Every structure is written in structure tokens, then in C-alpha cells.
Amino acid sequence: MTRELICIGCPMGCELTVEVENGKAVSVTGNTCGIGKKYAGTEVSAPTRMVTTTVMADNGKPVPVKTRTAVPKEKISDVVRAVKSTVIKLPVRIGDTAVENAADTGVDVIVTKNAG
């Protein structure tokens, strides 16, 4: 089976052709760097994404956050729901944990802007 992908690993946006056997990438063409090959392998076997959103602070204003690492693609909605059901206490600093183990992914959601 062949899959066509656009790499999201860097700004180049390479058009990848991935040969897939038994749910794994066996060859990747079209990438201009090693990131494309790694991205293709993950994308066909266990796709993941970083999640960026906002969490509400106790002053009623949103604070930007993101997952510390990528989460399984099928868990994105669950992670967003976990964040949206949270209110954080100010002050917070970049890197502070806003939500621990979001949606049982093992990944924390962290603050990306100082607030309060």
C-alpha cells in the first residue's frame, strides 16, 4: 500500500510517498531531511500531535498552553476537554504544569506565557 503525506516536521512541507507494509513504513521518498522519514514512520503506525490551546485562569482570562510532548492523534479531543474543564490559579510561569497527565495520556499540559 502507498500513502501520500505532507510532512509537518519542518517548514519545508515535503510531499512524501510512503510504502506501507503491515502498518509500518518500509520506504519513504520525497523528504529533504531526516525529519520526513521519522514523521512518515510515526504517521503511518501511531500518529501523534502537539496540542495547543488555552486554559482559563482564576481571573477569568485565558492563558496559552500546550502539551509537553505529542499525544496520540485519537486523544486530541480528550486532551482539549481536560484542559477546558480546568481553571488554573495565578500567577503562572512558562513551563508550569497546568494539567497533569491530560486525558490519561501520560503527557502534561504546560503554560506557554507568564501570567498574573
N, C-alpha and C. Protein backbone atom coordinates (compact mmCIF):
# COMPACT_ATOMS: atom_id res chain seq x y z
N MET A 1 0.85 -1.18 0.00
CA MET A 1 0.00 0.00 0.00
C MET A 1 0.89 1.25 0.00
N THR A 2 0.46 2.27 -0.69
CA THR A 2 1.19 3.53 -0.75
C THR A 2 0.35 4.64 -0.13
N ARG A 3 0.99 5.48 0.68
CA ARG A 3 0.32 6.66 1.24
C ARG A 3 1.08 7.90 0.84
N GLU A 4 0.33 8.93 0.50
CA GLU A 4 0.90 10.24 0.18
C GLU A 4 0.68 11.13 1.40
N LEU A 5 1.73 11.76 1.89
CA LEU A 5 1.66 12.63 3.06
C LEU A 5 2.36 13.95 2.79
N ILE A 6 1.96 14.97 3.51
CA ILE A 6 2.71 16.23 3.55
C ILE A 6 3.38 16.26 4.91
N CYS A 7 4.70 16.34 4.93
CA CYS A 7 5.43 16.34 6.19
C CYS A 7 5.17 17.64 6.96
N ILE A 8 4.90 17.50 8.26
CA ILE A 8 4.70 18.67 9.12
C ILE A 8 5.85 18.84 10.10
N GLY A 9 6.94 18.13 9.86
CA GLY A 9 8.08 18.15 10.78
C GLY A 9 8.91 19.42 10.73
N CYS A 10 8.88 20.13 9.62
CA CYS A 10 9.62 21.39 9.49
C CYS A 10 8.88 22.26 8.48
N PRO A 11 9.29 23.49 8.29
CA PRO A 11 8.57 24.39 7.37
C PRO A 11 8.61 24.01 5.89
N MET A 12 9.45 23.07 5.50
CA MET A 12 9.56 22.71 4.08
C MET A 12 8.27 22.10 3.52
N GLY A 13 7.53 21.34 4.32
CA GLY A 13 6.29 20.72 3.85
C GLY A 13 6.49 19.76 2.70
N CYS A 14 7.47 18.89 2.82
CA CYS A 14 7.78 17.95 1.74
C CYS A 14 6.61 17.02 1.44
N GLU A 15 6.43 16.71 0.15
CA GLU A 15 5.42 15.75 -0.27
C GLU A 15 6.07 14.37 -0.22
N LEU A 16 5.58 13.54 0.69
CA LEU A 16 6.17 12.23 0.92
C LEU A 16 5.34 11.14 0.27
N THR A 17 6.04 10.15 -0.24
CA THR A 17 5.41 8.91 -0.70
C THR A 17 5.92 7.82 0.22
N VAL A 18 4.99 7.13 0.86
CA VAL A 18 5.36 6.14 1.87
C VAL A 18 4.82 4.78 1.46
N GLU A 19 5.71 3.83 1.34
CA GLU A 19 5.30 2.45 1.09
C GLU A 19 5.07 1.80 2.46
N VAL A 20 3.87 1.25 2.65
CA VAL A 20 3.47 0.69 3.94
C VAL A 20 3.21 -0.80 3.80
N GLU A 21 3.79 -1.56 4.73
CA GLU A 21 3.54 -3.00 4.81
C GLU A 21 3.29 -3.35 6.27
N ASN A 22 2.21 -4.05 6.52
CA ASN A 22 1.85 -4.47 7.88
C ASN A 22 1.82 -3.31 8.86
N GLY A 23 1.30 -2.16 8.41
CA GLY A 23 1.15 -1.00 9.28
C GLY A 23 2.43 -0.25 9.58
N LYS A 24 3.51 -0.55 8.83
CA LYS A 24 4.78 0.14 9.06
C LYS A 24 5.34 0.68 7.75
N ALA A 25 6.02 1.82 7.85
CA ALA A 25 6.67 2.41 6.68
C ALA A 25 7.90 1.58 6.32
N VAL A 26 7.95 1.10 5.10
CA VAL A 26 9.12 0.34 4.66
C VAL A 26 10.02 1.17 3.75
N SER A 27 9.45 2.23 3.15
CA SER A 27 10.29 3.17 2.39
C SER A 27 9.59 4.52 2.34
N VAL A 28 10.42 5.57 2.32
CA VAL A 28 9.91 6.93 2.26
C VAL A 28 10.71 7.68 1.20
N THR A 29 10.00 8.35 0.30
CA THR A 29 10.67 9.19 -0.69
C THR A 29 10.02 10.57 -0.67
N GLY A 30 10.76 11.55 -1.16
CA GLY A 30 10.26 12.92 -1.23
C GLY A 30 10.74 13.82 -0.11
N ASN A 31 11.30 13.21 0.92
CA ASN A 31 11.78 14.02 2.06
C ASN A 31 13.14 14.62 1.75
N THR A 32 13.34 15.87 2.21
CA THR A 32 14.63 16.53 2.01
C THR A 32 15.51 16.45 3.25
N CYS A 33 14.95 15.93 4.34
CA CYS A 33 15.75 15.78 5.56
C CYS A 33 15.28 14.53 6.32
N GLY A 34 15.99 14.18 7.36
CA GLY A 34 15.67 13.01 8.15
C GLY A 34 14.36 13.12 8.92
N ILE A 35 13.93 14.35 9.15
CA ILE A 35 12.67 14.55 9.88
C ILE A 35 11.51 13.92 9.11
N GLY A 36 11.53 14.04 7.80
CA GLY A 36 10.46 13.48 6.97
C GLY A 36 10.34 11.98 7.10
N LYS A 37 11.45 11.30 7.13
CA LYS A 37 11.43 9.84 7.27
C LYS A 37 10.87 9.44 8.63
N LYS A 38 11.30 10.14 9.67
CA LYS A 38 10.80 9.85 11.02
C LYS A 38 9.31 10.15 11.11
N TYR A 39 8.90 11.30 10.57
CA TYR A 39 7.48 11.69 10.59
C TYR A 39 6.64 10.63 9.88
N ALA A 40 7.05 10.21 8.71
CA ALA A 40 6.29 9.22 7.94
C ALA A 40 6.14 7.91 8.72
N GLY A 41 7.20 7.47 9.35
CA GLY A 41 7.14 6.23 10.13
C GLY A 41 6.13 6.32 11.25
N THR A 42 6.14 7.42 11.97
CA THR A 42 5.19 7.62 13.06
C THR A 42 3.78 7.81 12.53
N GLU A 43 3.63 8.57 11.47
CA GLU A 43 2.30 8.90 10.94
C GLU A 43 1.54 7.67 10.46
N VAL A 44 2.23 6.71 9.89
CA VAL A 44 1.52 5.52 9.40
C VAL A 44 1.30 4.47 10.48
N SER A 45 2.08 4.50 11.55
CA SER A 45 1.92 3.46 12.57
C SER A 45 1.21 3.95 13.83
N ALA A 46 1.53 5.15 14.30
CA ALA A 46 0.94 5.68 15.53
C ALA A 46 1.01 7.20 15.50
N PRO A 47 0.12 7.87 14.75
CA PRO A 47 0.21 9.32 14.58
C PRO A 47 0.04 10.08 15.90
N THR A 48 0.85 11.13 16.06
CA THR A 48 0.79 11.96 17.26
C THR A 48 0.79 13.43 16.85
N ARG A 49 0.31 14.28 17.77
CA ARG A 49 0.31 15.71 17.51
C ARG A 49 0.54 16.46 18.82
N MET A 50 1.16 17.62 18.71
CA MET A 50 1.21 18.56 19.82
C MET A 50 -0.16 19.22 19.87
N VAL A 51 -0.62 19.55 21.07
CA VAL A 51 -1.91 20.23 21.22
C VAL A 51 -1.64 21.60 21.83
N THR A 52 -2.12 22.64 21.18
CA THR A 52 -2.01 24.00 21.72
C THR A 52 -3.42 24.55 21.89
N THR A 53 -3.66 25.17 23.02
CA THR A 53 -4.97 25.72 23.31
C THR A 53 -4.81 26.75 24.43
N THR A 54 -5.89 27.06 25.10
CA THR A 54 -5.82 27.94 26.27
C THR A 54 -6.55 27.29 27.43
N VAL A 55 -6.11 27.64 28.64
CA VAL A 55 -6.76 27.21 29.86
C VAL A 55 -7.25 28.46 30.57
N MET A 56 -8.39 28.36 31.24
CA MET A 56 -8.93 29.52 31.94
C MET A 56 -8.19 29.72 33.26
N ALA A 57 -7.85 30.97 33.55
CA ALA A 57 -7.21 31.33 34.82
C ALA A 57 -8.28 31.77 35.80
N ASP A 58 -7.92 31.81 37.08
CA ASP A 58 -8.87 32.19 38.12
C ASP A 58 -9.31 33.65 38.03
N ASN A 59 -8.68 34.44 37.17
CA ASN A 59 -9.12 35.82 36.97
C ASN A 59 -10.09 35.94 35.79
N GLY A 60 -10.46 34.79 35.20
CA GLY A 60 -11.41 34.77 34.10
C GLY A 60 -10.80 34.98 32.73
N LYS A 61 -9.48 35.04 32.65
CA LYS A 61 -8.80 35.25 31.36
C LYS A 61 -8.10 33.97 30.92
N PRO A 62 -8.01 33.75 29.61
CA PRO A 62 -7.32 32.55 29.11
C PRO A 62 -5.80 32.69 29.16
N VAL A 63 -5.15 31.58 29.39
CA VAL A 63 -3.69 31.51 29.40
C VAL A 63 -3.29 30.45 28.37
N PRO A 64 -2.35 30.75 27.45
CA PRO A 64 -1.95 29.78 26.43
C PRO A 64 -1.17 28.61 27.04
N VAL A 65 -1.47 27.42 26.52
CA VAL A 65 -0.83 26.19 26.98
C VAL A 65 -0.58 25.27 25.80
N LYS A 66 0.26 24.26 26.03
CA LYS A 66 0.49 23.21 25.02
C LYS A 66 0.87 21.93 25.73
N THR A 67 0.75 20.83 25.03
CA THR A 67 1.21 19.57 25.60
C THR A 67 2.75 19.58 25.64
N ARG A 68 3.29 18.98 26.68
CA ARG A 68 4.75 18.94 26.81
C ARG A 68 5.37 18.15 25.66
N THR A 69 4.72 17.08 25.25
CA THR A 69 5.14 16.28 24.10
C THR A 69 3.89 15.96 23.29
N ALA A 70 4.08 15.35 22.15
CA ALA A 70 2.95 14.98 21.31
C ALA A 70 2.12 13.89 21.98
N VAL A 71 0.82 13.91 21.68
CA VAL A 71 -0.10 12.90 22.20
C VAL A 71 -0.68 12.11 21.03
N PRO A 72 -1.18 10.90 21.29
CA PRO A 72 -1.80 10.14 20.20
C PRO A 72 -2.92 10.96 19.56
N LYS A 73 -2.97 10.93 18.25
CA LYS A 73 -3.91 11.75 17.50
C LYS A 73 -5.36 11.52 17.94
N GLU A 74 -5.68 10.27 18.26
CA GLU A 74 -7.05 9.96 18.66
C GLU A 74 -7.42 10.49 20.05
N LYS A 75 -6.43 11.01 20.80
CA LYS A 75 -6.67 11.54 22.14
C LYS A 75 -6.76 13.07 22.16
N ILE A 76 -6.62 13.73 21.02
CA ILE A 76 -6.62 15.20 21.00
C ILE A 76 -7.88 15.78 21.62
N SER A 77 -9.04 15.30 21.22
CA SER A 77 -10.29 15.84 21.76
C SER A 77 -10.39 15.64 23.26
N ASP A 78 -9.93 14.49 23.75
CA ASP A 78 -9.95 14.22 25.19
C ASP A 78 -9.03 15.17 25.94
N VAL A 79 -7.86 15.45 25.36
CA VAL A 79 -6.92 16.38 25.99
C VAL A 79 -7.52 17.77 26.05
N VAL A 80 -8.12 18.22 24.96
CA VAL A 80 -8.73 19.55 24.93
C VAL A 80 -9.86 19.64 25.97
N ARG A 81 -10.68 18.59 26.07
CA ARG A 81 -11.75 18.59 27.09
C ARG A 81 -11.17 18.69 28.50
N ALA A 82 -10.07 17.97 28.76
CA ALA A 82 -9.43 18.03 30.08
C ALA A 82 -8.94 19.43 30.39
N VAL A 83 -8.35 20.09 29.40
CA VAL A 83 -7.85 21.45 29.59
C VAL A 83 -9.01 22.41 29.81
N LYS A 84 -10.06 22.30 29.00
CA LYS A 84 -11.19 23.22 29.09
C LYS A 84 -11.97 23.07 30.39
N SER A 85 -11.83 21.94 31.07
CA SER A 85 -12.52 21.74 32.35
C SER A 85 -11.65 22.16 33.54
N THR A 86 -10.51 22.78 33.27
CA THR A 86 -9.55 23.18 34.30
C THR A 86 -9.51 24.70 34.44
N VAL A 87 -9.38 25.16 35.68
CA VAL A 87 -9.12 26.57 35.97
C VAL A 87 -7.83 26.61 36.78
N ILE A 88 -6.84 27.38 36.29
CA ILE A 88 -5.56 27.45 37.00
C ILE A 88 -5.49 28.69 37.87
N LYS A 89 -4.73 28.57 38.93
CA LYS A 89 -4.54 29.68 39.86
C LYS A 89 -3.31 30.48 39.45
N LEU A 90 -3.48 31.79 39.35
CA LEU A 90 -2.37 32.68 39.02
C LEU A 90 -1.59 33.01 40.28
N PRO A 91 -0.32 33.36 40.16
CA PRO A 91 0.46 33.52 38.93
C PRO A 91 1.00 32.19 38.42
N VAL A 92 1.29 32.17 37.11
CA VAL A 92 1.94 31.03 36.48
C VAL A 92 3.08 31.54 35.62
N ARG A 93 4.04 30.67 35.40
CA ARG A 93 5.21 30.99 34.57
C ARG A 93 5.36 29.97 33.46
N ILE A 94 6.02 30.37 32.41
CA ILE A 94 6.28 29.46 31.29
C ILE A 94 6.88 28.16 31.82
N GLY A 95 6.29 27.05 31.39
CA GLY A 95 6.77 25.73 31.79
C GLY A 95 6.04 25.13 32.98
N ASP A 96 5.26 25.95 33.70
CA ASP A 96 4.46 25.41 34.81
C ASP A 96 3.45 24.41 34.26
N THR A 97 3.14 23.40 35.05
CA THR A 97 2.15 22.42 34.65
C THR A 97 0.74 22.95 34.92
N ALA A 98 -0.08 22.97 33.89
CA ALA A 98 -1.48 23.40 34.02
C ALA A 98 -2.39 22.20 34.25
N VAL A 99 -2.12 21.09 33.55
CA VAL A 99 -2.89 19.86 33.69
C VAL A 99 -1.91 18.69 33.68
N GLU A 100 -1.93 17.89 34.72
CA GLU A 100 -1.07 16.71 34.78
C GLU A 100 -1.74 15.54 34.06
N ASN A 101 -0.95 14.76 33.35
CA ASN A 101 -1.42 13.53 32.73
C ASN A 101 -2.76 13.75 32.02
N ALA A 102 -2.80 14.69 31.13
CA ALA A 102 -4.05 15.06 30.45
C ALA A 102 -4.69 13.87 29.76
N ALA A 103 -5.93 13.60 30.09
CA ALA A 103 -6.72 12.52 29.48
C ALA A 103 -6.02 11.17 29.54
N ASP A 104 -5.28 10.95 30.62
CA ASP A 104 -4.57 9.68 30.82
C ASP A 104 -3.61 9.34 29.69
N THR A 105 -2.98 10.37 29.11
CA THR A 105 -2.02 10.16 28.03
C THR A 105 -0.60 10.01 28.57
N GLY A 106 -0.40 10.39 29.85
CA GLY A 106 0.94 10.42 30.40
C GLY A 106 1.67 11.71 30.07
N VAL A 107 0.97 12.64 29.42
CA VAL A 107 1.56 13.90 28.98
C VAL A 107 0.93 15.05 29.74
N ASP A 108 1.78 15.92 30.28
CA ASP A 108 1.30 17.12 30.97
C ASP A 108 1.06 18.25 29.97
N VAL A 109 0.15 19.15 30.33
CA VAL A 109 -0.10 20.35 29.56
C VAL A 109 0.58 21.49 30.32
N ILE A 110 1.42 22.26 29.62
CA ILE A 110 2.21 23.29 30.28
C ILE A 110 1.86 24.70 29.79
N VAL A 111 2.11 25.65 30.64
CA VAL A 111 1.87 27.07 30.35
C VAL A 111 2.94 27.57 29.38
N THR A 112 2.53 28.39 28.40
CA THR A 112 3.48 28.89 27.41
C THR A 112 3.67 30.41 27.48
N LYS A 113 3.03 31.06 28.49
CA LYS A 113 3.19 32.50 28.66
C LYS A 113 3.05 32.84 30.14
N ASN A 114 3.94 33.67 30.65
CA ASN A 114 3.81 34.12 32.03
C ASN A 114 2.50 34.89 32.19
N ALA A 115 1.82 34.66 33.30
CA ALA A 115 0.55 35.34 33.55
C ALA A 115 0.36 35.57 35.04
N GLY A 116 -0.26 36.71 35.36
CA GLY A 116 -0.63 37.00 36.73
C GLY A 116 0.45 37.64 37.50
